[in-house]
Amino acid sequence: MGPTRSWTGRDATTLRKALRMTTDGFAARLQVAPRTVANWAAHPEMVPRLGAQDELDRLLAAAPAEVQAHLDDASASTGVEAAQVLRVAIAVLAHDGQVLLVRRRDDGAGISWQFPAGIIKPGERGEDVAVRETLAETGVHCSVKEHLGSRCHPVTGVQCDYYRCDYLAGDAYNRDSVENTGVTWAPQTQLTKFLSRETVYPPVLRMLEDTHAA
């Protein structure tokens, strides 16, 4: 049986706010990754996958009547509250001619292979998040060498901070099977077979090309 409502990222975000749930709490309740919830907020017209829509139906059915009415009113109105800006720390780690990548299970934006990354929460430093999430996702210890810059991602709309990292220790493997389906060291010369060149941050490409040439 399919979902009873045609859900969008806007509807899901409106429901989360009406229930006063955090991104992490909402993601746990729906059994999706926090970055999926973040992508719904960044892309109001995005359509969640069927499994997530079923969970949204269940959550809405159990919600108070005033929350259900609020969602109906918001869906009928064009004056929807703007989504909050989310920041993500991205670790770019090259070692022995290879780049560390993770394969997302469901990021909601159609992107599969990515650099290790994590959401920067209030009070956190981006470089700390980059190091922590690299270890949490791949088992690889690293340190931040430099900040490569920031931008609004052309696909997800999320604000991204990129950090060049140095390898310290550890064998790469998938430590986060909830969010990811795989981890790999991709040859630097074949990076664009894993990531679209058009979506890779230009300073990242230049840095990787320079380090490979050296």
N, C-alpha and C. Protein backbone atom coordinates (compact mmCIF):
# COMPACT_ATOMS: atom_id res chain seq x y z
N MET A 1 0.84 -1.20 0.00
CA MET A 1 0.00 0.00 0.00
C MET A 1 0.87 1.24 0.00
N GLY A 2 0.59 2.18 -0.87
CA GLY A 2 1.39 3.38 -0.99
C GLY A 2 0.98 4.45 -0.01
N PRO A 3 1.72 5.58 0.00
CA PRO A 3 1.41 6.67 0.91
C PRO A 3 0.05 7.28 0.61
N THR A 4 -0.61 7.82 1.64
CA THR A 4 -1.94 8.41 1.46
C THR A 4 -1.85 9.88 1.10
N ARG A 5 -0.67 10.46 1.19
CA ARG A 5 -0.47 11.87 0.89
C ARG A 5 0.70 12.02 -0.07
N SER A 6 0.63 12.98 -0.96
CA SER A 6 1.74 13.25 -1.87
C SER A 6 2.70 14.21 -1.16
N TRP A 7 3.74 13.66 -0.59
CA TRP A 7 4.66 14.43 0.23
C TRP A 7 5.72 15.14 -0.60
N THR A 8 6.13 16.30 -0.13
CA THR A 8 7.27 17.02 -0.70
C THR A 8 8.22 17.37 0.44
N GLY A 9 9.40 17.84 0.08
CA GLY A 9 10.33 18.28 1.10
C GLY A 9 9.75 19.40 1.95
N ARG A 10 8.97 20.26 1.31
CA ARG A 10 8.32 21.36 2.04
C ARG A 10 7.37 20.82 3.10
N ASP A 11 6.53 19.84 2.72
CA ASP A 11 5.58 19.27 3.67
C ASP A 11 6.31 18.60 4.84
N ALA A 12 7.36 17.84 4.52
CA ALA A 12 8.10 17.14 5.57
C ALA A 12 8.74 18.13 6.54
N THR A 13 9.30 19.21 5.99
CA THR A 13 9.92 20.23 6.84
C THR A 13 8.89 20.94 7.70
N THR A 14 7.72 21.22 7.12
CA THR A 14 6.64 21.86 7.88
C THR A 14 6.18 20.96 9.02
N LEU A 15 6.07 19.66 8.76
CA LEU A 15 5.67 18.71 9.80
C LEU A 15 6.71 18.66 10.91
N ARG A 16 7.98 18.61 10.53
CA ARG A 16 9.04 18.55 11.55
C ARG A 16 8.98 19.77 12.46
N LYS A 17 8.81 20.94 11.86
CA LYS A 17 8.78 22.16 12.67
C LYS A 17 7.53 22.22 13.53
N ALA A 18 6.40 21.77 12.99
CA ALA A 18 5.15 21.78 13.76
C ALA A 18 5.25 20.86 14.97
N LEU A 19 5.98 19.76 14.81
CA LEU A 19 6.17 18.82 15.92
C LEU A 19 7.33 19.22 16.83
N ARG A 20 8.04 20.29 16.43
CA ARG A 20 9.17 20.81 17.20
C ARG A 20 10.24 19.75 17.40
N MET A 21 10.53 19.03 16.33
CA MET A 21 11.54 17.98 16.38
C MET A 21 12.83 18.47 15.75
N THR A 22 13.94 18.00 16.27
CA THR A 22 15.24 18.31 15.68
C THR A 22 15.42 17.51 14.39
N THR A 23 16.40 17.92 13.60
CA THR A 23 16.70 17.18 12.37
C THR A 23 17.07 15.74 12.69
N ASP A 24 17.91 15.54 13.70
CA ASP A 24 18.33 14.18 14.07
C ASP A 24 17.16 13.35 14.59
N GLY A 25 16.32 13.97 15.42
CA GLY A 25 15.18 13.24 15.97
C GLY A 25 14.17 12.86 14.92
N PHE A 26 13.93 13.78 14.00
CA PHE A 26 12.99 13.53 12.90
C PHE A 26 13.53 12.42 12.00
N ALA A 27 14.83 12.47 11.71
CA ALA A 27 15.45 11.44 10.88
C ALA A 27 15.34 10.06 11.53
N ALA A 28 15.60 10.00 12.83
CA ALA A 28 15.52 8.72 13.54
C ALA A 28 14.10 8.17 13.52
N ARG A 29 13.12 9.05 13.69
CA ARG A 29 11.72 8.61 13.69
C ARG A 29 11.31 8.06 12.33
N LEU A 30 11.83 8.65 11.26
CA LEU A 30 11.47 8.23 9.90
C LEU A 30 12.39 7.15 9.34
N GLN A 31 13.45 6.83 10.09
CA GLN A 31 14.43 5.83 9.67
C GLN A 31 15.13 6.24 8.38
N VAL A 32 15.53 7.51 8.33
CA VAL A 32 16.32 8.03 7.21
C VAL A 32 17.55 8.72 7.78
N ALA A 33 18.49 9.07 6.92
CA ALA A 33 19.70 9.76 7.37
C ALA A 33 19.40 11.23 7.65
N PRO A 34 20.08 11.85 8.63
CA PRO A 34 19.88 13.28 8.91
C PRO A 34 20.09 14.15 7.68
N ARG A 35 21.04 13.76 6.81
CA ARG A 35 21.29 14.57 5.62
C ARG A 35 20.09 14.52 4.66
N THR A 36 19.30 13.44 4.71
CA THR A 36 18.09 13.38 3.89
C THR A 36 17.09 14.43 4.35
N VAL A 37 16.92 14.55 5.66
CA VAL A 37 16.03 15.58 6.21
C VAL A 37 16.55 16.96 5.86
N ALA A 38 17.87 17.14 5.90
CA ALA A 38 18.46 18.42 5.54
C ALA A 38 18.19 18.75 4.08
N ASN A 39 18.26 17.75 3.22
CA ASN A 39 18.00 17.98 1.80
C ASN A 39 16.54 18.33 1.54
N TRP A 40 15.63 17.76 2.32
CA TRP A 40 14.22 18.13 2.17
C TRP A 40 14.04 19.61 2.49
N ALA A 41 14.74 20.09 3.52
CA ALA A 41 14.63 21.50 3.89
C ALA A 41 15.25 22.40 2.83
N ALA A 42 16.36 21.95 2.24
CA ALA A 42 17.04 22.76 1.23
C ALA A 42 16.33 22.73 -0.11
N HIS A 43 15.57 21.66 -0.37
CA HIS A 43 14.88 21.49 -1.66
C HIS A 43 13.40 21.22 -1.40
N PRO A 44 12.60 22.27 -1.19
CA PRO A 44 11.18 22.10 -0.84
C PRO A 44 10.38 21.27 -1.84
N GLU A 45 10.77 21.28 -3.12
CA GLU A 45 10.00 20.55 -4.13
C GLU A 45 10.43 19.09 -4.27
N MET A 46 11.45 18.69 -3.53
CA MET A 46 11.93 17.31 -3.60
C MET A 46 10.84 16.35 -3.12
N VAL A 47 10.72 15.21 -3.78
CA VAL A 47 9.73 14.20 -3.39
C VAL A 47 10.45 13.07 -2.64
N PRO A 48 10.14 12.86 -1.37
CA PRO A 48 10.77 11.78 -0.61
C PRO A 48 10.47 10.41 -1.23
N ARG A 49 11.34 9.46 -0.95
CA ARG A 49 11.12 8.10 -1.44
C ARG A 49 9.91 7.48 -0.76
N LEU A 50 9.34 6.45 -1.40
CA LEU A 50 8.08 5.87 -0.92
C LEU A 50 8.15 5.40 0.53
N GLY A 51 9.25 4.78 0.90
CA GLY A 51 9.37 4.31 2.28
C GLY A 51 9.29 5.45 3.27
N ALA A 52 9.95 6.56 2.94
CA ALA A 52 9.91 7.73 3.82
C ALA A 52 8.51 8.34 3.83
N GLN A 53 7.84 8.32 2.68
CA GLN A 53 6.48 8.86 2.62
C GLN A 53 5.53 8.04 3.51
N ASP A 54 5.70 6.74 3.51
CA ASP A 54 4.87 5.89 4.39
C ASP A 54 5.09 6.26 5.86
N GLU A 55 6.36 6.48 6.23
CA GLU A 55 6.66 6.85 7.61
C GLU A 55 6.10 8.23 7.94
N LEU A 56 6.15 9.14 6.97
CA LEU A 56 5.58 10.48 7.17
C LEU A 56 4.07 10.39 7.38
N ASP A 57 3.42 9.51 6.61
CA ASP A 57 1.97 9.29 6.80
C ASP A 57 1.67 8.84 8.22
N ARG A 58 2.46 7.88 8.71
CA ARG A 58 2.23 7.34 10.06
C ARG A 58 2.46 8.42 11.12
N LEU A 59 3.51 9.20 10.93
CA LEU A 59 3.81 10.25 11.90
C LEU A 59 2.71 11.31 11.92
N LEU A 60 2.21 11.67 10.74
CA LEU A 60 1.15 12.66 10.66
C LEU A 60 -0.14 12.13 11.28
N ALA A 61 -0.45 10.86 11.04
CA ALA A 61 -1.68 10.27 11.57
C ALA A 61 -1.68 10.27 13.10
N ALA A 62 -0.49 10.15 13.69
CA ALA A 62 -0.39 10.11 15.15
C ALA A 62 -0.24 11.50 15.76
N ALA A 63 -0.12 12.52 14.91
CA ALA A 63 0.09 13.89 15.39
C ALA A 63 -1.21 14.50 15.90
N PRO A 64 -1.13 15.50 16.79
CA PRO A 64 -2.33 16.19 17.26
C PRO A 64 -3.10 16.83 16.11
N ALA A 65 -4.40 17.03 16.31
CA ALA A 65 -5.25 17.58 15.26
C ALA A 65 -4.77 18.94 14.79
N GLU A 66 -4.25 19.75 15.72
CA GLU A 66 -3.80 21.09 15.33
C GLU A 66 -2.58 21.04 14.41
N VAL A 67 -1.74 20.01 14.60
CA VAL A 67 -0.59 19.84 13.71
C VAL A 67 -1.05 19.43 12.32
N GLN A 68 -2.01 18.52 12.25
CA GLN A 68 -2.55 18.10 10.96
C GLN A 68 -3.18 19.28 10.23
N ALA A 69 -3.93 20.11 10.96
CA ALA A 69 -4.57 21.27 10.36
C ALA A 69 -3.52 22.28 9.88
N HIS A 70 -2.46 22.44 10.66
CA HIS A 70 -1.39 23.37 10.28
C HIS A 70 -0.73 22.93 8.98
N LEU A 71 -0.49 21.62 8.85
CA LEU A 71 0.14 21.12 7.64
C LEU A 71 -0.76 21.33 6.43
N ASP A 72 -2.06 21.10 6.59
CA ASP A 72 -3.00 21.32 5.49
C ASP A 72 -3.02 22.79 5.08
N ASP A 73 -3.01 23.69 6.07
CA ASP A 73 -3.02 25.12 5.77
C ASP A 73 -1.74 25.54 5.06
N ALA A 74 -0.61 25.00 5.52
CA ALA A 74 0.68 25.35 4.92
C ALA A 74 0.78 24.85 3.49
N SER A 75 0.23 23.66 3.23
CA SER A 75 0.28 23.09 1.88
C SER A 75 -0.56 23.90 0.91
N ALA A 76 -1.65 24.49 1.42
CA ALA A 76 -2.54 25.26 0.56
C ALA A 76 -2.06 26.69 0.35
N SER A 77 -1.10 27.09 1.14
CA SER A 77 -0.62 28.47 1.07
C SER A 77 0.70 28.55 0.32
N THR A 78 0.94 29.69 -0.31
CA THR A 78 2.21 29.89 -1.01
C THR A 78 3.23 30.56 -0.10
N GLY A 79 2.80 31.03 1.03
CA GLY A 79 3.71 31.72 1.95
C GLY A 79 4.32 30.76 2.94
N VAL A 80 5.15 29.88 2.46
CA VAL A 80 5.77 28.88 3.32
C VAL A 80 7.08 29.42 3.89
N GLU A 81 7.30 29.13 5.14
CA GLU A 81 8.52 29.59 5.81
C GLU A 81 9.75 29.08 5.09
N ALA A 82 10.73 29.95 4.89
CA ALA A 82 11.97 29.57 4.19
C ALA A 82 12.76 28.57 5.03
N ALA A 83 13.38 27.64 4.33
CA ALA A 83 14.16 26.62 5.03
C ALA A 83 15.43 27.23 5.62
N GLN A 84 15.84 26.69 6.76
CA GLN A 84 17.04 27.19 7.41
C GLN A 84 18.27 26.78 6.61
N VAL A 85 19.32 27.61 6.71
CA VAL A 85 20.56 27.33 6.01
C VAL A 85 21.36 26.31 6.82
N LEU A 86 21.74 25.23 6.19
CA LEU A 86 22.52 24.19 6.86
C LEU A 86 23.96 24.23 6.35
N ARG A 87 24.90 23.99 7.25
CA ARG A 87 26.32 23.98 6.89
C ARG A 87 26.87 22.57 7.08
N VAL A 88 27.69 22.17 6.14
CA VAL A 88 28.28 20.83 6.17
C VAL A 88 29.79 20.96 6.02
N ALA A 89 30.54 20.20 6.81
CA ALA A 89 32.00 20.14 6.70
C ALA A 89 32.37 18.94 5.85
N ILE A 90 33.18 19.16 4.83
CA ILE A 90 33.56 18.10 3.89
C ILE A 90 35.06 17.87 3.96
N ALA A 91 35.46 16.61 4.15
CA ALA A 91 36.87 16.24 4.25
C ALA A 91 37.37 15.72 2.92
N VAL A 92 38.40 16.36 2.38
CA VAL A 92 39.02 15.91 1.13
C VAL A 92 40.38 15.33 1.51
N LEU A 93 40.47 14.02 1.46
CA LEU A 93 41.65 13.31 1.95
C LEU A 93 42.29 12.51 0.81
N ALA A 94 43.47 12.95 0.39
CA ALA A 94 44.23 12.25 -0.65
C ALA A 94 45.45 11.60 -0.01
N HIS A 95 45.72 10.35 -0.42
CA HIS A 95 46.83 9.60 0.17
C HIS A 95 47.33 8.58 -0.84
N ASP A 96 48.62 8.62 -1.14
CA ASP A 96 49.24 7.68 -2.07
C ASP A 96 48.50 7.64 -3.41
N GLY A 97 48.14 8.80 -3.93
CA GLY A 97 47.51 8.87 -5.24
C GLY A 97 46.04 8.49 -5.27
N GLN A 98 45.42 8.38 -4.10
CA GLN A 98 44.02 8.01 -4.02
C GLN A 98 43.24 8.99 -3.14
N VAL A 99 41.92 9.05 -3.37
CA VAL A 99 41.05 9.95 -2.62
C VAL A 99 40.01 9.12 -1.88
N LEU A 100 39.78 9.46 -0.62
CA LEU A 100 38.83 8.72 0.20
C LEU A 100 37.39 9.17 -0.11
N LEU A 101 36.52 8.19 -0.45
CA LEU A 101 35.13 8.48 -0.77
C LEU A 101 34.20 7.53 -0.01
N VAL A 102 32.98 7.99 0.23
CA VAL A 102 31.94 7.15 0.82
C VAL A 102 30.75 7.11 -0.13
N ARG A 103 30.03 6.01 -0.10
CA ARG A 103 28.85 5.88 -0.96
C ARG A 103 27.60 5.97 -0.09
N ARG A 104 26.79 7.03 -0.33
CA ARG A 104 25.61 7.27 0.49
C ARG A 104 24.49 6.29 0.16
N ARG A 105 23.80 5.86 1.20
CA ARG A 105 22.66 4.97 1.02
C ARG A 105 21.47 5.73 0.45
N ASP A 106 21.18 6.91 0.99
CA ASP A 106 20.03 7.70 0.54
C ASP A 106 20.24 9.13 0.97
N ASP A 107 20.75 9.99 0.05
CA ASP A 107 20.97 11.38 0.42
C ASP A 107 19.84 12.27 -0.07
N GLY A 108 18.88 11.69 -0.81
CA GLY A 108 17.73 12.44 -1.25
C GLY A 108 17.97 13.33 -2.44
N ALA A 109 19.20 13.41 -2.94
CA ALA A 109 19.49 14.31 -4.05
C ALA A 109 20.08 13.59 -5.25
N GLY A 110 20.09 12.27 -5.23
CA GLY A 110 20.57 11.52 -6.37
C GLY A 110 22.08 11.44 -6.47
N ILE A 111 22.79 11.82 -5.40
CA ILE A 111 24.25 11.74 -5.40
C ILE A 111 24.66 10.48 -4.67
N SER A 112 25.60 9.72 -5.25
CA SER A 112 26.01 8.46 -4.65
C SER A 112 27.34 8.60 -3.93
N TRP A 113 28.44 8.64 -4.68
CA TRP A 113 29.77 8.76 -4.07
C TRP A 113 30.03 10.20 -3.67
N GLN A 114 30.57 10.37 -2.47
CA GLN A 114 30.86 11.70 -1.94
C GLN A 114 32.11 11.65 -1.07
N PHE A 115 32.65 12.82 -0.77
CA PHE A 115 33.70 12.92 0.24
C PHE A 115 33.05 12.75 1.62
N PRO A 116 33.78 12.24 2.60
CA PRO A 116 33.22 12.16 3.95
C PRO A 116 32.77 13.54 4.42
N ALA A 117 31.63 13.60 5.09
CA ALA A 117 31.08 14.90 5.48
C ALA A 117 30.15 14.76 6.67
N GLY A 118 29.91 15.89 7.32
CA GLY A 118 28.98 15.90 8.45
C GLY A 118 28.39 17.28 8.65
N ILE A 119 27.20 17.34 9.23
CA ILE A 119 26.53 18.61 9.49
C ILE A 119 27.22 19.34 10.64
N ILE A 120 27.48 20.63 10.43
CA ILE A 120 28.08 21.47 11.47
C ILE A 120 26.96 22.01 12.35
N LYS A 121 26.92 21.57 13.59
CA LYS A 121 25.89 22.01 14.51
C LYS A 121 26.34 23.30 15.21
N PRO A 122 25.39 24.06 15.76
CA PRO A 122 25.75 25.31 16.44
C PRO A 122 26.83 25.09 17.50
N GLY A 123 27.86 25.94 17.46
CA GLY A 123 28.94 25.85 18.42
C GLY A 123 30.09 24.96 18.00
N GLU A 124 29.93 24.22 16.90
CA GLU A 124 30.99 23.33 16.43
C GLU A 124 31.89 24.02 15.41
N ARG A 125 33.13 23.56 15.33
CA ARG A 125 34.07 24.04 14.31
C ARG A 125 34.05 23.06 13.15
N GLY A 126 34.06 23.62 11.94
CA GLY A 126 34.01 22.78 10.75
C GLY A 126 35.14 21.78 10.68
N GLU A 127 36.35 22.20 11.04
CA GLU A 127 37.49 21.29 10.96
C GLU A 127 37.35 20.11 11.92
N ASP A 128 36.75 20.37 13.08
CA ASP A 128 36.52 19.27 14.03
C ASP A 128 35.50 18.27 13.48
N VAL A 129 34.47 18.79 12.83
CA VAL A 129 33.44 17.92 12.25
C VAL A 129 34.04 17.08 11.13
N ALA A 130 34.88 17.69 10.29
CA ALA A 130 35.49 16.96 9.17
C ALA A 130 36.32 15.78 9.67
N VAL A 131 37.13 16.01 10.69
CA VAL A 131 37.97 14.95 11.25
C VAL A 131 37.12 13.87 11.92
N ARG A 132 36.15 14.31 12.71
CA ARG A 132 35.31 13.36 13.45
C ARG A 132 34.49 12.48 12.51
N GLU A 133 33.87 13.08 11.49
CA GLU A 133 33.02 12.32 10.59
C GLU A 133 33.82 11.39 9.69
N THR A 134 35.04 11.78 9.33
CA THR A 134 35.88 10.89 8.53
C THR A 134 36.16 9.61 9.31
N LEU A 135 36.50 9.76 10.58
CA LEU A 135 36.74 8.59 11.43
C LEU A 135 35.46 7.78 11.62
N ALA A 136 34.35 8.47 11.89
CA ALA A 136 33.09 7.77 12.15
C ALA A 136 32.58 7.01 10.95
N GLU A 137 32.82 7.55 9.75
CA GLU A 137 32.30 6.91 8.54
C GLU A 137 33.25 5.89 7.93
N THR A 138 34.58 6.11 8.08
CA THR A 138 35.53 5.28 7.33
C THR A 138 36.57 4.57 8.19
N GLY A 139 36.71 4.93 9.47
CA GLY A 139 37.74 4.33 10.29
C GLY A 139 39.12 4.91 10.06
N VAL A 140 39.21 5.97 9.27
CA VAL A 140 40.50 6.61 8.96
C VAL A 140 40.70 7.84 9.85
N HIS A 141 41.87 7.90 10.49
CA HIS A 141 42.24 9.06 11.28
C HIS A 141 42.93 10.08 10.37
N CYS A 142 42.56 11.35 10.52
CA CYS A 142 43.16 12.38 9.69
C CYS A 142 43.27 13.68 10.48
N SER A 143 43.96 14.65 9.91
CA SER A 143 44.04 15.99 10.50
C SER A 143 43.81 17.00 9.39
N VAL A 144 43.28 18.15 9.74
CA VAL A 144 43.01 19.19 8.75
C VAL A 144 44.29 19.97 8.45
N LYS A 145 44.60 20.09 7.16
CA LYS A 145 45.78 20.85 6.73
C LYS A 145 45.42 22.27 6.37
N GLU A 146 44.29 22.45 5.66
CA GLU A 146 43.88 23.80 5.28
C GLU A 146 42.40 23.82 4.90
N HIS A 147 41.83 25.01 5.01
CA HIS A 147 40.45 25.24 4.58
C HIS A 147 40.49 25.65 3.11
N LEU A 148 39.83 24.88 2.26
CA LEU A 148 39.88 25.13 0.82
C LEU A 148 38.85 26.15 0.35
N GLY A 149 37.88 26.47 1.20
CA GLY A 149 36.86 27.43 0.81
C GLY A 149 35.46 26.95 1.11
N SER A 150 34.48 27.80 0.80
CA SER A 150 33.07 27.49 1.06
C SER A 150 32.24 27.83 -0.17
N ARG A 151 31.09 27.15 -0.28
CA ARG A 151 30.15 27.46 -1.36
C ARG A 151 28.79 26.85 -1.04
N CYS A 152 27.79 27.28 -1.79
CA CYS A 152 26.48 26.64 -1.76
C CYS A 152 26.51 25.53 -2.80
N HIS A 153 26.29 24.29 -2.38
CA HIS A 153 26.40 23.15 -3.30
C HIS A 153 25.39 23.28 -4.43
N PRO A 154 25.83 23.10 -5.69
CA PRO A 154 24.93 23.30 -6.84
C PRO A 154 23.79 22.31 -6.95
N VAL A 155 23.89 21.16 -6.28
CA VAL A 155 22.83 20.15 -6.35
C VAL A 155 21.96 20.16 -5.10
N THR A 156 22.59 20.14 -3.93
CA THR A 156 21.83 20.03 -2.69
C THR A 156 21.38 21.37 -2.12
N GLY A 157 22.06 22.45 -2.49
CA GLY A 157 21.72 23.76 -1.95
C GLY A 157 22.23 23.98 -0.54
N VAL A 158 22.99 23.03 0.00
CA VAL A 158 23.53 23.12 1.35
C VAL A 158 24.84 23.93 1.32
N GLN A 159 25.08 24.73 2.36
CA GLN A 159 26.33 25.49 2.45
C GLN A 159 27.45 24.54 2.86
N CYS A 160 28.51 24.46 2.06
CA CYS A 160 29.58 23.49 2.29
C CYS A 160 30.91 24.17 2.59
N ASP A 161 31.62 23.66 3.60
CA ASP A 161 32.98 24.08 3.91
C ASP A 161 33.91 22.91 3.60
N TYR A 162 34.91 23.15 2.76
CA TYR A 162 35.80 22.09 2.31
C TYR A 162 37.14 22.18 3.03
N TYR A 163 37.62 21.02 3.51
CA TYR A 163 38.88 20.96 4.25
C TYR A 163 39.81 19.92 3.63
N ARG A 164 41.01 20.37 3.32
CA ARG A 164 42.05 19.44 2.87
C ARG A 164 42.61 18.74 4.10
N CYS A 165 42.63 17.42 4.06
CA CYS A 165 43.07 16.65 5.23
C CYS A 165 44.27 15.78 4.91
N ASP A 166 45.08 15.52 5.92
CA ASP A 166 46.22 14.62 5.81
C ASP A 166 45.89 13.28 6.47
N TYR A 167 46.29 12.20 5.82
CA TYR A 167 46.10 10.86 6.38
C TYR A 167 47.04 10.65 7.56
N LEU A 168 46.53 10.06 8.63
CA LEU A 168 47.34 9.74 9.80
C LEU A 168 47.47 8.24 10.00
N ALA A 169 46.33 7.54 10.04
CA ALA A 169 46.35 6.09 10.28
C ALA A 169 44.97 5.50 10.00
N GLY A 170 44.95 4.15 9.90
CA GLY A 170 43.67 3.46 9.78
C GLY A 170 43.40 2.87 8.41
N ASP A 171 42.71 1.72 8.41
CA ASP A 171 42.28 1.08 7.17
C ASP A 171 40.84 1.50 6.90
N ALA A 172 40.57 1.89 5.66
CA ALA A 172 39.24 2.38 5.31
C ALA A 172 38.23 1.24 5.19
N TYR A 173 37.11 1.39 5.88
CA TYR A 173 36.00 0.44 5.75
C TYR A 173 34.72 1.17 6.15
N ASN A 174 33.59 0.58 5.85
CA ASN A 174 32.30 1.23 6.11
C ASN A 174 31.91 1.07 7.58
N ARG A 175 32.08 2.14 8.35
CA ARG A 175 31.73 2.10 9.78
C ARG A 175 30.30 2.58 10.04
N ASP A 176 29.67 3.16 9.03
CA ASP A 176 28.32 3.71 9.22
C ASP A 176 27.38 3.12 8.18
N SER A 177 26.92 1.89 8.45
CA SER A 177 26.06 1.20 7.48
C SER A 177 24.65 1.76 7.44
N VAL A 178 24.30 2.66 8.38
CA VAL A 178 22.99 3.30 8.34
C VAL A 178 22.93 4.31 7.20
N GLU A 179 23.98 5.14 7.08
CA GLU A 179 24.00 6.18 6.07
C GLU A 179 24.70 5.76 4.79
N ASN A 180 25.67 4.84 4.89
CA ASN A 180 26.50 4.51 3.74
C ASN A 180 26.43 3.04 3.36
N THR A 181 26.70 2.78 2.08
CA THR A 181 26.75 1.40 1.60
C THR A 181 28.17 0.97 1.26
N GLY A 182 29.11 1.90 1.27
CA GLY A 182 30.47 1.53 0.93
C GLY A 182 31.46 2.65 1.16
N VAL A 183 32.74 2.27 1.22
CA VAL A 183 33.85 3.21 1.35
C VAL A 183 34.94 2.74 0.41
N THR A 184 35.64 3.66 -0.24
CA THR A 184 36.70 3.26 -1.16
C THR A 184 37.77 4.33 -1.25
N TRP A 185 38.97 3.89 -1.63
CA TRP A 185 40.03 4.80 -2.03
C TRP A 185 39.98 4.86 -3.56
N ALA A 186 39.54 5.96 -4.11
CA ALA A 186 39.43 6.11 -5.56
C ALA A 186 40.71 6.71 -6.13
N PRO A 187 41.25 6.14 -7.21
CA PRO A 187 42.44 6.73 -7.83
C PRO A 187 42.17 8.19 -8.21
N GLN A 188 43.11 9.08 -7.89
CA GLN A 188 42.90 10.49 -8.20
C GLN A 188 42.66 10.72 -9.68
N THR A 189 43.31 9.91 -10.51
CA THR A 189 43.15 10.07 -11.96
C THR A 189 41.78 9.62 -12.45
N GLN A 190 41.03 8.91 -11.60
CA GLN A 190 39.70 8.42 -12.00
C GLN A 190 38.58 9.01 -11.14
N LEU A 191 38.86 10.12 -10.47
CA LEU A 191 37.88 10.71 -9.57
C LEU A 191 36.56 11.03 -10.27
N THR A 192 36.64 11.52 -11.50
CA THR A 192 35.42 11.91 -12.21
C THR A 192 34.57 10.71 -12.65
N LYS A 193 35.08 9.49 -12.45
CA LYS A 193 34.24 8.31 -12.68
C LYS A 193 33.31 8.07 -11.49
N PHE A 194 33.66 8.66 -10.36
CA PHE A 194 32.86 8.54 -9.14
C PHE A 194 32.03 9.79 -8.88
N LEU A 195 32.59 10.95 -9.21
CA LEU A 195 31.93 12.23 -8.99
C LEU A 195 31.84 13.01 -10.29
N SER A 196 30.73 13.69 -10.51
CA SER A 196 30.59 14.52 -11.70
C SER A 196 31.53 15.72 -11.59
N ARG A 197 32.35 15.93 -12.60
CA ARG A 197 33.30 17.04 -12.57
C ARG A 197 32.60 18.38 -12.37
N GLU A 198 31.38 18.50 -12.93
CA GLU A 198 30.64 19.75 -12.85
C GLU A 198 30.21 20.09 -11.43
N THR A 199 30.11 19.08 -10.56
CA THR A 199 29.64 19.34 -9.20
C THR A 199 30.77 19.40 -8.17
N VAL A 200 31.99 19.03 -8.58
CA VAL A 200 33.12 19.08 -7.65
C VAL A 200 33.60 20.53 -7.51
N TYR A 201 33.81 20.97 -6.30
CA TYR A 201 34.27 22.33 -6.02
C TYR A 201 35.61 22.56 -6.72
N PRO A 202 35.72 23.57 -7.60
CA PRO A 202 36.95 23.79 -8.38
C PRO A 202 38.23 23.82 -7.56
N PRO A 203 38.29 24.50 -6.41
CA PRO A 203 39.53 24.46 -5.62
C PRO A 203 39.92 23.05 -5.19
N VAL A 204 38.93 22.17 -5.00
CA VAL A 204 39.22 20.78 -4.66
C VAL A 204 39.89 20.08 -5.84
N LEU A 205 39.35 20.28 -7.03
CA LEU A 205 39.94 19.68 -8.23
C LEU A 205 41.37 20.16 -8.43
N ARG A 206 41.59 21.47 -8.28
CA ARG A 206 42.93 22.02 -8.47
C ARG A 206 43.91 21.46 -7.45
N MET A 207 43.47 21.35 -6.20
CA MET A 207 44.34 20.81 -5.17
C MET A 207 44.71 19.36 -5.47
N LEU A 208 43.73 18.56 -5.87
CA LEU A 208 44.00 17.15 -6.16
C LEU A 208 44.90 17.00 -7.38
N GLU A 209 44.68 17.83 -8.39
CA GLU A 209 45.53 17.78 -9.58
C GLU A 209 46.96 18.18 -9.25
N ASP A 210 47.12 19.20 -8.39
CA ASP A 210 48.46 19.66 -8.01
C ASP A 210 49.19 18.60 -7.19
N THR A 211 48.48 17.98 -6.24
CA THR A 211 49.13 16.98 -5.40
C THR A 211 49.49 15.74 -6.20
N HIS A 212 48.66 15.39 -7.19
CA HIS A 212 48.96 14.22 -8.01
C HIS A 212 50.16 14.49 -8.90
N ALA A 213 50.24 15.71 -9.44
CA ALA A 213 51.36 16.07 -10.31
C ALA A 213 52.68 16.09 -9.54
N ALA A 214 52.59 16.47 -8.26
CA ALA A 214 53.79 16.52 -7.43
C ALA A 214 54.30 15.13 -7.07
